[in-house]
């Protein structure tokens, strides 16, 4: 399943971040449960988006494995497992995938969830076209 270019660009940039940074981001997700719940509600309420969640996880997993195999991603004794990298990136990747539904939503909680979940990746977040 092809994803919009901004989703692919985000995932490719995120998997290449230093693992120390990804670990720090991963530890923050528990504090953002309310924002993650907002995203889950949007996913559950939209069959088209729900159908994209499994392939999104698969895309990030395959990309992280490829980056590891080709030496593009961090390796060594302190590096994260591919599954850990995926878990660190996935909440923000989901938000990027649903950016159009969240960022300019009339529901303030949706816009706030997008901002909160993508904040740790602000420096690599692709710009909004259009």
C-alpha atoms as a PDB file:
ATOM      1  CA  UNK A   1       0.000   0.000   0.000  1.00  0.00           C
ATOM      2  CA  UNK A   2       1.641   3.244  -1.079  1.00  0.00           C
ATOM      3  CA  UNK A   3       1.637   6.043   1.446  1.00  0.00           C
ATOM      4  CA  UNK A   4       1.702   9.777   0.795  1.00  0.00           C
ATOM      5  CA  UNK A   5       5.234  11.098   0.210  1.00  0.00           C
ATOM      6  CA  UNK A   6       5.204  13.032   3.495  1.00  0.00           C
ATOM      7  CA  UNK A   7       4.532   9.799   5.441  1.00  0.00           C
ATOM      8  CA  UNK A   8       7.332   7.956   3.681  1.00  0.00           C
ATOM      9  CA  UNK A   9       9.725  10.895   4.131  1.00  0.00           C
ATOM     10  CA  UNK A  10       8.878  11.077   7.825  1.00  0.00           C
ATOM     11  CA  UNK A  11       9.384   7.341   8.368  1.00  0.00           C
ATOM     12  CA  UNK A  12      12.682   7.304   6.472  1.00  0.00           C
ATOM     13  CA  UNK A  13      14.022  10.260   8.461  1.00  0.00           C
ATOM     14  CA  UNK A  14      12.769   8.921  11.794  1.00  0.00           C
ATOM     15  CA  UNK A  15      14.367   5.490  11.468  1.00  0.00           C
ATOM     16  CA  UNK A  16      17.725   7.180  10.916  1.00  0.00           C
ATOM     17  CA  UNK A  17      17.605   9.217  14.129  1.00  0.00           C
ATOM     18  CA  UNK A  18      20.100   8.359  16.857  1.00  0.00           C
ATOM     19  CA  UNK A  19      18.764   5.567  19.038  1.00  0.00           C
ATOM     20  CA  UNK A  20      19.396   7.588  22.181  1.00  0.00           C
ATOM     21  CA  UNK A  21      16.892  10.128  20.884  1.00  0.00           C
ATOM     22  CA  UNK A  22      14.393   7.430  19.886  1.00  0.00           C
ATOM     23  CA  UNK A  23      14.666   5.907  23.378  1.00  0.00           C
ATOM     24  CA  UNK A  24      13.901   9.284  24.922  1.00  0.00           C
ATOM     25  CA  UNK A  25      10.900   9.738  22.606  1.00  0.00           C
ATOM     26  CA  UNK A  26       9.639   6.239  23.374  1.00  0.00           C
ATOM     27  CA  UNK A  27       9.675   6.998  27.110  1.00  0.00           C
ATOM     28  CA  UNK A  28       7.482  10.072  26.516  1.00  0.00           C
ATOM     29  CA  UNK A  29       4.581   8.161  24.927  1.00  0.00           C
ATOM     30  CA  UNK A  30       3.087   7.093  28.267  1.00  0.00           C
ATOM     31  CA  UNK A  31       2.618  10.752  29.209  1.00  0.00           C
ATOM     32  CA  UNK A  32       0.680  11.300  25.977  1.00  0.00           C
ATOM     33  CA  UNK A  33      -1.967   8.620  26.481  1.00  0.00           C
ATOM     34  CA  UNK A  34      -4.841  11.107  26.102  1.00  0.00           C
ATOM     35  CA  UNK A  35      -3.465  12.276  22.745  1.00  0.00           C
ATOM     36  CA  UNK A  36      -2.889   8.711  21.611  1.00  0.00           C
ATOM     37  CA  UNK A  37      -6.482   7.891  22.554  1.00  0.00           C
ATOM     38  CA  UNK A  38      -7.735  10.741  20.327  1.00  0.00           C
ATOM     39  CA  UNK A  39      -5.805   9.234  17.415  1.00  0.00           C
ATOM     40  CA  UNK A  40      -7.220   5.779  18.174  1.00  0.00           C
ATOM     41  CA  UNK A  41     -10.760   7.155  18.164  1.00  0.00           C
ATOM     42  CA  UNK A  42     -10.199   8.686  14.730  1.00  0.00           C
ATOM     43  CA  UNK A  43      -8.753   5.389  13.469  1.00  0.00           C
ATOM     44  CA  UNK A  44     -11.653   3.369  14.858  1.00  0.00           C
ATOM     45  CA  UNK A  45     -14.179   5.733  13.319  1.00  0.00           C
ATOM     46  CA  UNK A  46     -12.742   5.575   9.792  1.00  0.00           C
ATOM     47  CA  UNK A  47     -12.545   2.217   7.985  1.00  0.00           C
ATOM     48  CA  UNK A  48     -10.172   3.545   5.325  1.00  0.00           C
ATOM     49  CA  UNK A  49      -7.667   4.794   7.890  1.00  0.00           C
ATOM     50  CA  UNK A  50      -8.046   1.687  10.046  1.00  0.00           C
ATOM     51  CA  UNK A  51      -7.131  -0.435   7.015  1.00  0.00           C
ATOM     52  CA  UNK A  52      -3.885   1.548   6.641  1.00  0.00           C
ATOM     53  CA  UNK A  53      -2.608   1.010  10.192  1.00  0.00           C
ATOM     54  CA  UNK A  54      -1.266  -2.539   9.698  1.00  0.00           C
ATOM     55  CA  UNK A  55       0.480  -1.672   6.440  1.00  0.00           C
ATOM     56  CA  UNK A  56       1.929   1.464   8.082  1.00  0.00           C
ATOM     57  CA  UNK A  57       3.486  -0.627  10.863  1.00  0.00           C
ATOM     58  CA  UNK A  58       4.763  -3.092   8.247  1.00  0.00           C
ATOM     59  CA  UNK A  59       6.262  -0.276   6.156  1.00  0.00           C
ATOM     60  CA  UNK A  60       8.112   1.179   9.147  1.00  0.00           C
ATOM     61  CA  UNK A  61       9.301  -2.273  10.239  1.00  0.00           C
ATOM     62  CA  UNK A  62      10.610  -3.167   6.775  1.00  0.00           C
ATOM     63  CA  UNK A  63      12.258   0.251   6.411  1.00  0.00           C
ATOM     64  CA  UNK A  64      13.929  -0.093   9.824  1.00  0.00           C
ATOM     65  CA  UNK A  65      15.167  -3.598   8.967  1.00  0.00           C
ATOM     66  CA  UNK A  66      16.554  -2.363   5.652  1.00  0.00           C
ATOM     67  CA  UNK A  67      18.260   0.585   7.344  1.00  0.00           C
ATOM     68  CA  UNK A  68      19.799  -1.779   9.875  1.00  0.00           C
ATOM     69  CA  UNK A  69      20.940  -4.248   7.203  1.00  0.00           C
ATOM     70  CA  UNK A  70      22.492  -1.560   5.027  1.00  0.00           C
ATOM     71  CA  UNK A  71      24.210   0.214   7.915  1.00  0.00           C
ATOM     72  CA  UNK A  72      22.156   3.387   7.527  1.00  0.00           C
ATOM     73  CA  UNK A  73      20.650   2.981  11.008  1.00  0.00           C
ATOM     74  CA  UNK A  74      22.616   2.960  14.223  1.00  0.00           C
ATOM     75  CA  UNK A  75      24.155  -0.404  15.107  1.00  0.00           C
ATOM     76  CA  UNK A  76      26.164  -1.741  18.003  1.00  0.00           C
ATOM     77  CA  UNK A  77      25.635  -2.822  21.578  1.00  0.00           C
ATOM     78  CA  UNK A  78      23.577   0.236  22.538  1.00  0.00           C
ATOM     79  CA  UNK A  79      21.357   0.172  19.455  1.00  0.00           C
ATOM     80  CA  UNK A  80      17.655  -0.553  19.707  1.00  0.00           C
ATOM     81  CA  UNK A  81      15.919  -3.597  18.313  1.00  0.00           C
ATOM     82  CA  UNK A  82      13.951  -2.970  15.130  1.00  0.00           C
ATOM     83  CA  UNK A  83      10.708  -3.522  17.054  1.00  0.00           C
ATOM     84  CA  UNK A  84      11.734  -0.865  19.585  1.00  0.00           C
ATOM     85  CA  UNK A  85      12.473   1.594  16.790  1.00  0.00           C
ATOM     86  CA  UNK A  86       9.032   0.921  15.310  1.00  0.00           C
ATOM     87  CA  UNK A  87       7.295   1.483  18.665  1.00  0.00           C
ATOM     88  CA  UNK A  88       9.156   4.771  19.125  1.00  0.00           C
ATOM     89  CA  UNK A  89       8.114   6.056  15.698  1.00  0.00           C
ATOM     90  CA  UNK A  90       4.629   4.609  15.171  1.00  0.00           C
ATOM     91  CA  UNK A  91       2.498   7.038  17.251  1.00  0.00           C
ATOM     92  CA  UNK A  92       3.895  10.018  15.363  1.00  0.00           C
ATOM     93  CA  UNK A  93       3.741   8.204  12.017  1.00  0.00           C
ATOM     94  CA  UNK A  94       0.048   7.523  12.582  1.00  0.00           C
ATOM     95  CA  UNK A  95      -0.476  11.226  13.267  1.00  0.00           C
ATOM     96  CA  UNK A  96       1.438  12.186  10.114  1.00  0.00           C
ATOM     97  CA  UNK A  97      -0.683   9.779   8.082  1.00  0.00           C
ATOM     98  CA  UNK A  98      -3.845  11.448   9.429  1.00  0.00           C
ATOM     99  CA  UNK A  99      -2.466  14.965   9.335  1.00  0.00           C
ATOM    100  CA  UNK A 100      -5.270  16.293   7.151  1.00  0.00           C
ATOM    101  CA  UNK A 101      -7.908  15.026   9.579  1.00  0.00           C
ATOM    102  CA  UNK A 102      -6.083  16.248  12.672  1.00  0.00           C
ATOM    103  CA  UNK A 103      -4.020  19.380  12.161  1.00  0.00           C
ATOM    104  CA  UNK A 104      -6.786  21.699  10.992  1.00  0.00           C
ATOM    105  CA  UNK A 105      -9.659  19.850  12.635  1.00  0.00           C
ATOM    106  CA  UNK A 106     -12.583  21.776  14.102  1.00  0.00           C
ATOM    107  CA  UNK A 107     -12.173  19.451  17.088  1.00  0.00           C
ATOM    108  CA  UNK A 108      -9.467  21.068  19.256  1.00  0.00           C
ATOM    109  CA  UNK A 109      -8.426  17.742  20.783  1.00  0.00           C
ATOM    110  CA  UNK A 110      -7.505  16.393  17.342  1.00  0.00           C
ATOM    111  CA  UNK A 111      -5.291  19.352  16.475  1.00  0.00           C
ATOM    112  CA  UNK A 112      -3.711  19.180  19.941  1.00  0.00           C
ATOM    113  CA  UNK A 113      -3.068  15.438  19.548  1.00  0.00           C
ATOM    114  CA  UNK A 114      -1.331  15.986  16.218  1.00  0.00           C
ATOM    115  CA  UNK A 115       0.862  18.707  17.733  1.00  0.00           C
ATOM    116  CA  UNK A 116       1.724  16.659  20.815  1.00  0.00           C
ATOM    117  CA  UNK A 117       2.514  13.424  19.003  1.00  0.00           C
ATOM    118  CA  UNK A 118       4.654  15.029  16.322  1.00  0.00           C
ATOM    119  CA  UNK A 119       6.458  17.514  18.605  1.00  0.00           C
ATOM    120  CA  UNK A 120       9.399  15.171  19.356  1.00  0.00           C
ATOM    121  CA  UNK A 121      10.001  14.921  15.606  1.00  0.00           C
ATOM    122  CA  UNK A 122       9.382  18.570  14.724  1.00  0.00           C
ATOM    123  CA  UNK A 123      12.811  18.968  13.104  1.00  0.00           C
ATOM    124  CA  UNK A 124      12.159  16.147  10.613  1.00  0.00           C
ATOM    125  CA  UNK A 125       8.421  16.620  10.105  1.00  0.00           C
ATOM    126  CA  UNK A 126       7.744  17.179   6.403  1.00  0.00           C
ATOM    127  CA  UNK A 127       6.093  20.495   5.578  1.00  0.00           C
ATOM    128  CA  UNK A 128       2.472  20.722   4.631  1.00  0.00           C
ATOM    129  CA  UNK A 129       1.818  21.193   0.930  1.00  0.00           C
ATOM    130  CA  UNK A 130      -1.218  23.043  -0.311  1.00  0.00           C
END
